[in-house]
Protein backbone atom coordinates (compact mmCIF):
# COMPACT_ATOMS: atom_id res chain seq x y z
CA MET A 1 79.84 14.64 117.82
CA ILE A 2 76.71 16.01 116.15
CA GLU A 3 75.42 13.76 113.36
CA ARG A 4 73.09 14.33 110.42
CA THR A 5 71.46 11.96 107.95
CA TYR A 6 73.13 11.83 104.54
CA GLY A 7 70.13 12.29 102.28
CA ALA A 8 67.95 9.29 101.52
CA THR A 9 70.79 6.85 102.22
CA GLY A 10 69.89 6.71 105.91
CA VAL A 11 73.60 6.92 106.76
CA ARG A 12 74.31 9.02 109.85
CA VAL A 13 77.47 11.05 109.41
CA ALA A 14 79.29 13.35 111.81
CA VAL A 15 78.88 16.95 110.67
CA LEU A 16 82.67 17.28 110.64
CA GLY A 17 84.26 15.15 107.93
CA PHE A 18 87.95 14.52 107.36
CA GLY A 19 89.25 16.04 104.14
CA GLY A 20 92.12 13.93 102.87
CA ALA A 21 93.97 16.41 100.67
CA ARG A 22 96.13 18.15 103.29
CA LEU A 23 97.73 15.37 105.32
CA PRO A 24 101.40 15.62 106.37
CA GLU A 25 103.73 15.03 103.43
CA THR A 26 106.87 12.93 103.32
CA PRO A 27 110.20 14.70 103.96
CA THR A 28 111.07 14.37 100.27
CA GLY A 29 107.83 16.06 99.26
CA ARG A 30 106.50 15.21 95.79
CA GLY A 31 102.99 15.48 97.18
CA ARG A 32 103.04 12.06 98.85
CA PHE A 33 101.73 11.69 102.38
CA ASP A 34 103.78 10.39 105.28
CA TYR A 35 102.03 7.31 106.67
CA GLU A 36 103.68 7.43 110.08
CA LYS A 37 102.58 11.04 110.60
CA SER A 38 99.22 10.89 108.83
CA VAL A 39 97.68 7.71 110.24
CA PRO A 40 97.70 8.94 113.89
CA VAL A 41 96.00 12.18 112.80
CA VAL A 42 93.17 10.28 111.12
CA ARG A 43 92.83 7.88 114.04
CA ARG A 44 92.58 10.77 116.46
CA ALA A 45 89.68 12.13 114.42
CA ILE A 46 87.96 8.73 114.39
CA ASP A 47 88.40 8.40 118.15
CA LEU A 48 86.68 11.79 118.57
CA GLY A 49 83.69 10.79 116.47
CA VAL A 50 84.60 11.73 112.89
CA ASN A 51 83.27 8.94 110.67
CA TYR A 52 83.22 10.43 107.14
CA LEU A 53 86.64 10.12 105.47
CA ASP A 54 86.95 11.99 102.19
CA SER A 55 89.60 11.14 99.63
CA ALA A 56 90.32 11.11 95.90
CA GLN A 57 92.63 9.13 93.68
CA ALA A 58 94.74 12.21 93.06
CA TYR A 59 95.19 13.25 96.69
CA GLY A 60 98.74 12.71 97.85
CA ALA A 61 99.57 11.01 94.55
CA GLY A 62 97.29 8.18 95.65
CA THR A 63 98.62 7.94 99.19
CA SER A 64 95.56 9.55 100.81
CA GLU A 65 93.56 6.36 100.18
CA VAL A 66 96.39 4.27 101.61
CA VAL A 67 96.48 6.43 104.76
CA TYR A 68 92.77 5.83 105.34
CA GLY A 69 93.12 2.12 104.69
CA LYS A 70 95.82 1.88 107.34
CA ALA A 71 94.01 4.19 109.76
CA ILE A 72 90.71 2.26 109.87
CA LYS A 73 92.31 -1.06 110.78
CA GLY A 74 90.97 -2.22 114.14
CA TYR A 75 87.81 -0.09 113.95
CA ASP A 76 84.28 -1.22 113.18
CA ARG A 77 84.23 -0.80 109.39
CA SER A 78 80.43 -0.56 109.29
CA LYS A 79 80.56 2.66 111.30
CA LEU A 80 83.12 4.39 109.09
CA PHE A 81 82.32 5.84 105.68
CA LEU A 82 85.07 5.90 103.07
CA THR A 83 84.74 8.12 100.03
CA THR A 84 86.82 8.61 96.94
CA LYS A 85 86.59 10.51 93.69
CA ILE A 86 87.38 9.19 90.22
CA PRO A 87 87.57 11.58 87.23
CA VAL A 88 85.30 11.05 84.23
CA ASP A 89 85.93 14.30 82.36
CA SER A 90 87.40 12.87 79.15
CA MET A 91 86.41 10.17 76.71
CA LEU A 92 89.26 7.99 77.99
CA GLN A 93 88.49 8.48 81.68
CA SER A 94 84.77 7.90 81.16
CA ARG A 95 85.23 4.52 79.47
CA ALA A 96 83.68 1.73 81.51
CA SER A 97 86.89 -0.33 81.48
CA ARG A 98 89.00 2.64 82.47
CA TRP A 99 86.66 3.60 85.29
CA ARG A 100 86.57 0.00 86.59
CA SER A 101 90.35 -0.21 86.61
CA ARG A 102 90.51 3.01 88.63
CA LEU A 103 87.95 1.63 91.09
CA ASP A 104 90.06 -1.51 91.52
CA ILE A 105 93.06 0.68 92.35
CA SER A 106 91.11 2.52 95.04
CA LEU A 107 89.82 -0.70 96.57
CA ARG A 108 93.39 -2.00 96.81
CA ARG A 109 94.69 1.21 98.31
CA PHE A 110 91.91 1.33 100.89
CA ASP A 111 92.36 -2.41 101.48
CA THR A 112 88.61 -2.74 101.83
CA PRO A 113 85.94 -4.85 100.08
CA TYR A 114 83.73 -1.84 99.38
CA ILE A 115 83.71 1.96 99.29
CA ASP A 116 80.73 3.77 100.77
CA PHE A 117 80.57 6.85 98.54
CA VAL A 118 82.20 7.07 95.11
CA PHE A 119 82.12 10.42 93.36
CA MET A 120 82.52 11.47 89.76
CA HIS A 121 85.37 13.88 90.41
CA GLY A 122 85.00 17.52 89.36
CA LEU A 123 82.00 16.69 87.20
CA THR A 124 80.64 19.28 84.80
CA TRP A 125 77.26 19.23 83.11
CA LYS A 126 78.99 19.03 79.72
CA ALA A 127 81.14 16.05 80.74
CA PHE A 128 78.12 14.25 82.20
CA ILE A 129 75.98 14.68 79.09
CA GLU A 130 78.67 14.11 76.48
CA GLN A 131 80.69 11.42 78.22
CA ALA A 132 79.89 9.97 81.62
CA SER A 133 76.18 9.25 81.13
CA ARG A 134 76.42 7.75 77.65
CA PRO A 135 75.71 3.99 77.30
CA GLY A 136 78.72 1.87 78.23
CA ARG A 137 80.41 4.71 80.03
CA ALA A 138 81.25 5.55 83.64
CA LEU A 139 77.73 5.89 85.03
CA SER A 140 76.60 2.47 83.81
CA GLU A 141 79.79 0.91 85.18
CA MET A 142 79.21 2.58 88.53
CA ARG A 143 75.76 1.00 88.64
CA LYS A 144 77.29 -2.40 87.93
CA ALA A 145 79.83 -1.94 90.71
CA GLN A 146 77.01 -0.90 92.98
CA GLN A 147 75.07 -4.07 92.19
CA GLU A 148 78.21 -6.09 92.91
CA GLY A 149 78.52 -4.47 96.34
CA LEU A 150 81.83 -2.77 95.55
CA ILE A 151 80.39 0.69 96.09
CA ARG A 152 77.40 1.71 98.16
CA HIS A 153 76.39 5.11 96.75
CA VAL A 154 76.98 7.00 93.49
CA CYS A 155 77.75 10.70 93.97
CA PHE A 156 79.46 13.60 92.24
CA SER A 157 81.67 16.55 93.13
CA SER A 158 81.67 19.71 91.09
CA HIS A 159 83.17 23.16 90.60
CA ASP A 160 80.77 23.87 87.73
CA THR A 161 78.42 26.86 87.78
CA PRO A 162 75.58 26.71 90.32
CA ALA A 163 73.08 26.42 87.48
CA ASN A 164 74.91 23.43 86.01
CA ILE A 165 75.27 21.78 89.41
CA ILE A 166 71.51 22.09 89.81
CA GLN A 167 71.07 20.39 86.43
CA LEU A 168 73.26 17.52 87.61
CA ILE A 169 71.21 17.28 90.79
CA ASN A 170 67.99 17.23 88.80
CA THR A 171 69.04 14.11 86.86
CA GLY A 172 68.14 12.04 89.91
CA GLU A 173 71.18 9.84 89.31
CA PHE A 174 73.08 10.69 92.44
CA ALA A 175 72.79 9.98 96.17
CA GLY A 176 75.06 12.82 97.17
CA VAL A 177 77.03 15.84 96.04
CA LEU A 178 80.21 17.59 97.15
CA MET A 179 80.48 21.31 96.41
CA GLN A 180 82.09 24.44 97.77
CA TYR A 181 80.38 26.74 100.25
CA ASN A 182 81.70 28.99 102.98
CA CYS A 183 81.42 32.49 104.39
CA LEU A 184 83.43 33.84 101.47
CA ASP A 185 81.57 31.97 98.77
CA ILE A 186 77.81 31.38 98.93
CA ALA A 187 77.29 30.93 95.19
CA ASN A 188 76.09 27.34 95.68
CA ARG A 189 73.43 28.18 98.25
CA GLU A 190 70.53 27.38 95.88
CA ALA A 191 72.24 24.20 94.65
CA ILE A 192 72.62 23.02 98.25
CA GLN A 193 68.94 23.54 98.92
CA ARG A 194 67.98 21.82 95.68
CA ALA A 195 70.07 18.77 96.56
CA HIS A 196 68.47 18.66 99.99
CA ASP A 197 65.00 18.88 98.43
CA LYS A 198 65.92 15.95 96.18
CA GLN A 199 66.89 13.96 99.31
CA MET A 200 70.56 13.94 98.43
CA GLY A 201 73.37 14.08 100.93
CA VAL A 202 75.32 17.34 100.79
CA ALA A 203 79.02 17.45 101.64
CA ILE A 204 80.85 20.78 101.69
CA MET A 205 84.46 21.37 100.72
CA GLY A 206 86.36 24.41 101.96
CA PRO A 207 84.16 25.34 104.94
CA LEU A 208 87.13 27.18 106.45
CA ALA A 209 87.89 28.93 103.14
CA ALA A 210 90.93 26.69 102.64
CA GLY A 211 92.17 27.51 106.14
CA MET A 212 92.08 31.24 105.58
CA PHE A 213 90.56 31.71 109.02
CA VAL A 214 93.09 29.60 110.86
CA LYS A 215 96.39 30.11 109.06
CA ALA A 216 98.95 32.14 110.95
CA ASP A 217 98.50 35.26 108.84
CA PRO A 218 100.16 38.33 110.41
CA VAL A 219 96.71 39.92 110.62
CA GLU A 220 93.80 39.52 112.95
CA LEU A 221 90.09 40.03 112.72
CA PRO A 222 89.10 43.52 113.89
CA HIS A 223 89.07 43.80 117.67
CA TRP A 224 85.51 43.86 118.93
CA THR A 225 84.66 44.82 122.46
CA GLY A 226 81.99 43.17 124.53
CA GLU A 227 81.55 39.43 124.93
CA THR A 228 84.33 37.02 124.06
CA LEU A 229 84.20 36.38 120.34
CA PRO A 230 84.38 32.97 118.69
CA SER A 231 87.63 31.80 117.16
CA ARG A 232 88.14 31.96 113.41
CA PRO A 233 87.27 28.29 112.78
CA GLU A 234 84.25 28.62 115.03
CA LEU A 235 83.01 31.57 112.99
CA ALA A 236 83.47 29.73 109.71
CA LEU A 237 82.08 26.36 110.80
CA ASN A 238 79.09 27.94 112.54
CA PHE A 239 78.25 29.69 109.31
CA VAL A 240 78.31 26.44 107.31
CA LEU A 241 76.55 24.28 109.89
CA ASN A 242 73.77 26.84 110.28
CA ASN A 243 72.62 25.66 106.85
CA THR A 244 70.68 22.55 107.88
CA ALA A 245 70.56 21.31 104.29
CA ILE A 246 74.24 20.43 104.67
CA SER A 247 75.05 16.90 105.84
CA VAL A 248 78.79 17.16 106.46
CA ALA A 249 81.50 19.81 106.24
CA LEU A 250 84.96 18.61 105.28
CA SER A 251 88.10 20.02 106.82
CA GLY A 252 91.59 19.15 105.68
CA MET A 253 93.50 18.46 108.89
CA SER A 254 97.24 17.88 109.00
CA SER A 255 97.87 17.59 112.74
CA ILE A 256 96.30 16.22 115.90
CA GLU A 257 96.08 19.79 117.18
CA GLN A 258 93.96 20.79 114.20
CA VAL A 259 91.71 17.78 114.74
CA ASP A 260 91.22 18.66 118.40
CA GLN A 261 90.50 22.28 117.56
CA ASN A 262 87.93 21.50 114.86
CA VAL A 263 86.19 18.86 116.94
CA ALA A 264 85.97 21.28 119.87
CA VAL A 265 84.43 23.88 117.58
CA VAL A 266 81.79 21.45 116.34
CA GLU A 267 80.98 20.30 119.86
CA GLN A 268 80.38 23.94 120.80
CA TYR A 269 78.28 24.60 117.69
CA GLY A 270 75.26 26.79 118.35
CA THR A 271 76.61 28.45 121.50
CA MET A 272 77.57 31.75 119.84
CA GLY A 273 76.12 34.67 121.79
CA ALA A 274 73.91 37.43 120.39
CA ALA A 275 76.61 40.10 120.30
CA ALA A 276 79.09 37.79 118.61
CA SER A 277 76.42 36.80 116.07
CA ALA A 278 75.82 40.44 115.22
CA HIS A 279 79.53 41.04 114.76
CA TRP A 280 79.70 37.91 112.59
CA ARG A 281 76.97 39.25 110.29
CA GLU A 282 78.93 42.49 109.92
CA PHE A 283 82.11 40.58 109.13
CA TYR A 284 80.28 38.35 106.65
CA ALA A 285 78.99 41.42 104.78
CA ARG A 286 82.59 42.54 104.28
CA GLN A 287 83.53 39.08 103.05
CA GLN A 288 80.86 39.20 100.39
CA ALA A 289 81.99 42.63 99.27
CA ALA A 290 85.34 41.05 98.42
CA ALA A 291 84.00 37.80 96.96
CA ASP A 292 85.37 38.59 93.50
CA HIS A 293 88.86 37.95 94.83
CA TYR A 294 88.01 34.69 96.55
CA CYS A 295 90.88 32.24 96.20
CA THR A 296 91.49 29.04 98.14
CA TYR A 297 95.28 29.16 97.62
CA CYS A 298 95.23 25.67 96.09
CA HIS A 299 98.06 26.67 93.68
CA GLN A 300 96.62 24.61 90.83
CA CYS A 301 97.04 27.71 88.64
CA LEU A 302 100.82 27.35 88.91
CA PRO A 303 103.48 27.16 87.60
CA CYS A 304 103.42 30.58 86.01
CA PRO A 305 105.93 31.11 83.16
CA GLN A 306 106.62 34.58 84.59
CA GLN A 307 106.93 33.23 88.16
CA VAL A 308 103.94 35.23 89.43
CA ASP A 309 102.77 33.81 92.77
CA ILE A 310 99.10 34.20 91.99
CA ALA A 311 97.81 32.91 95.32
CA GLU A 312 99.98 35.27 97.36
CA ASN A 313 98.93 38.24 95.26
CA PHE A 314 95.30 37.39 95.96
CA ARG A 315 96.02 36.73 99.64
CA TYR A 316 97.30 40.26 100.13
CA MET A 317 94.45 41.69 98.09
CA ASN A 318 92.08 39.91 100.48
CA TRP A 319 93.83 41.48 103.45
CA GLN A 320 93.22 44.90 101.98
CA ARG A 321 89.64 44.21 100.85
CA LEU A 322 88.40 42.14 103.78
CA TRP A 323 90.04 43.89 106.71
CA ALA A 324 91.10 47.25 105.25
CA LEU A 325 94.68 46.39 106.24
CA ASP A 326 96.23 48.61 103.62
CA ALA A 327 99.74 48.96 105.05
CA PRO A 328 100.37 45.27 105.89
CA ALA A 329 99.00 44.21 102.50
CA LYS A 330 101.28 46.60 100.61
CA ALA A 331 104.29 45.64 102.72
CA ALA A 332 103.74 41.94 102.04
CA TYR A 333 103.11 42.58 98.35
CA ALA A 334 106.39 44.49 98.09
CA LYS A 335 108.24 41.29 99.08
CA LEU A 336 107.04 39.49 95.95
CA THR A 337 110.25 40.11 94.02
CA GLY A 338 111.20 36.56 93.10
CA LYS A 339 113.60 36.29 96.01
CA THR A 340 112.92 33.75 98.73
CA ASN A 341 111.27 34.90 101.93
CA TRP A 342 109.45 33.01 104.64
CA GLU A 343 106.00 33.75 105.96
CA PRO A 344 104.28 31.87 108.82
CA TRP A 345 102.43 29.70 106.27
CA GLY A 346 105.48 28.77 104.22
CA LYS A 347 108.15 29.65 101.69
CA ILE A 348 107.34 32.47 99.27
CA ASP A 349 109.57 32.96 96.26
CA GLY A 350 107.28 34.18 93.48
CA LYS A 351 106.76 37.57 91.88
CA SER A 352 104.07 40.22 92.09
CA ALA A 353 101.22 40.87 89.68
CA ALA A 354 103.48 43.35 87.89
CA ALA A 355 105.26 40.42 86.21
CA CYS A 356 102.07 39.09 84.58
CA ASN A 357 102.15 39.29 80.76
CA ASP A 358 98.61 37.97 80.20
CA CYS A 359 99.76 34.67 78.72
CA GLY A 360 96.60 33.02 80.08
CA GLU A 361 98.13 29.66 81.03
CA CYS A 362 96.80 29.93 84.59
CA GLU A 363 93.09 30.42 84.02
CA PRO A 364 92.18 26.98 82.55
CA ARG A 365 93.79 25.35 85.59
CA CYS A 366 91.72 27.22 88.20
CA PRO A 367 89.00 24.90 89.62
CA LEU A 368 86.96 27.96 90.65
CA ASN A 369 87.15 29.59 87.22
CA ILE A 370 88.56 32.81 88.68
CA PRO A 371 89.34 35.42 85.98
CA ILE A 372 92.94 35.52 87.16
CA MET A 373 94.38 37.91 84.60
CA THR A 374 91.64 40.47 85.18
CA GLN A 375 92.03 40.28 88.93
CA LEU A 376 95.82 40.55 88.78
CA LYS A 377 95.30 43.82 86.91
CA GLU A 378 93.25 45.03 89.90
CA VAL A 379 95.92 43.93 92.37
CA ARG A 380 98.64 46.04 90.80
CA PRO A 381 97.17 49.55 91.24
CA THR A 382 95.65 48.64 94.61
CA LEU A 383 98.82 47.35 96.27
CA ALA A 384 101.36 49.30 94.16
CA GLU A 385 104.11 47.89 92.04
CA ALA A 386 106.86 45.64 93.34
CA THR A 387 110.26 45.21 91.74
CA VAL A 388 110.28 42.30 89.25
């Protein structure tokens, strides 16, 4: 497994990190992860050289941290790097006592005496200035925990604007940052370089565009003749890893097969031929042309009072914009009637953009700040109206 140094920490991390938000869930659902199914997946990744394990208190309703704690038993702890994220975006959450209690919870879940990287979760410049960095708040408590040996490095994750992320980087308070970057979304390119220049570690979320390149969509990349082309994950991961300012790219893996596939891609990194590279640049240009409709299908915008399946509407818009697959996109869109149907990636029972009444409840929930209502208005005339 290829390794890179995580900023000025000196820590050597595998370039493929394990994202802990998409592990197998329990049969009853409720967002909790199944330990019997999840632990072997994580252990397989560790056995293949993955040593950076990304989590957050909210992932799997807290069970992501427990999965990692169980998975690392029997391994050399000094060679594995646990991370978690604790929110500080309100006056309550940024209180020193509140933050310390949350840290204690994570330590118990991980069943470990220390956590290598602790992130302020989803930090914004406003929350940092007005709350987290004030005396007696989260940042000072993180420094205390660091002095006590409970955490090794203070970091932050963010979905804020690139300019605000750069301001957070420029504070000099952090050893590392987690932000989004992939072939569909290069907005953070300058922030990544700035973090690297400040000798910070850079972790990337969503390198596979939330699995867009590997999900069993009933569409394929355009058929290109000539040399054998890379697979979808190889295309996406090569793009991210080609940015040498990036320390580690996180991938949410829910099966041993996915682990094996991603590890194989990383081990083959850099072997893409000239013709395939040229085709990739052409494909990437089309991705950027459709960047306004970028959506990771995280579903945090839901529930919609009108039952609009926002993610599916944007998925089909991407098919039409990215691959010019007009007919398949319109056919799929026409199924968004509120009746249940099954696609290869799961159960679909929401409605089309035609049902949107501009109530606006979805937009504050979107971690990427997508102007959802505006874009749904673009979906409707492009893909035609479905029965609602």
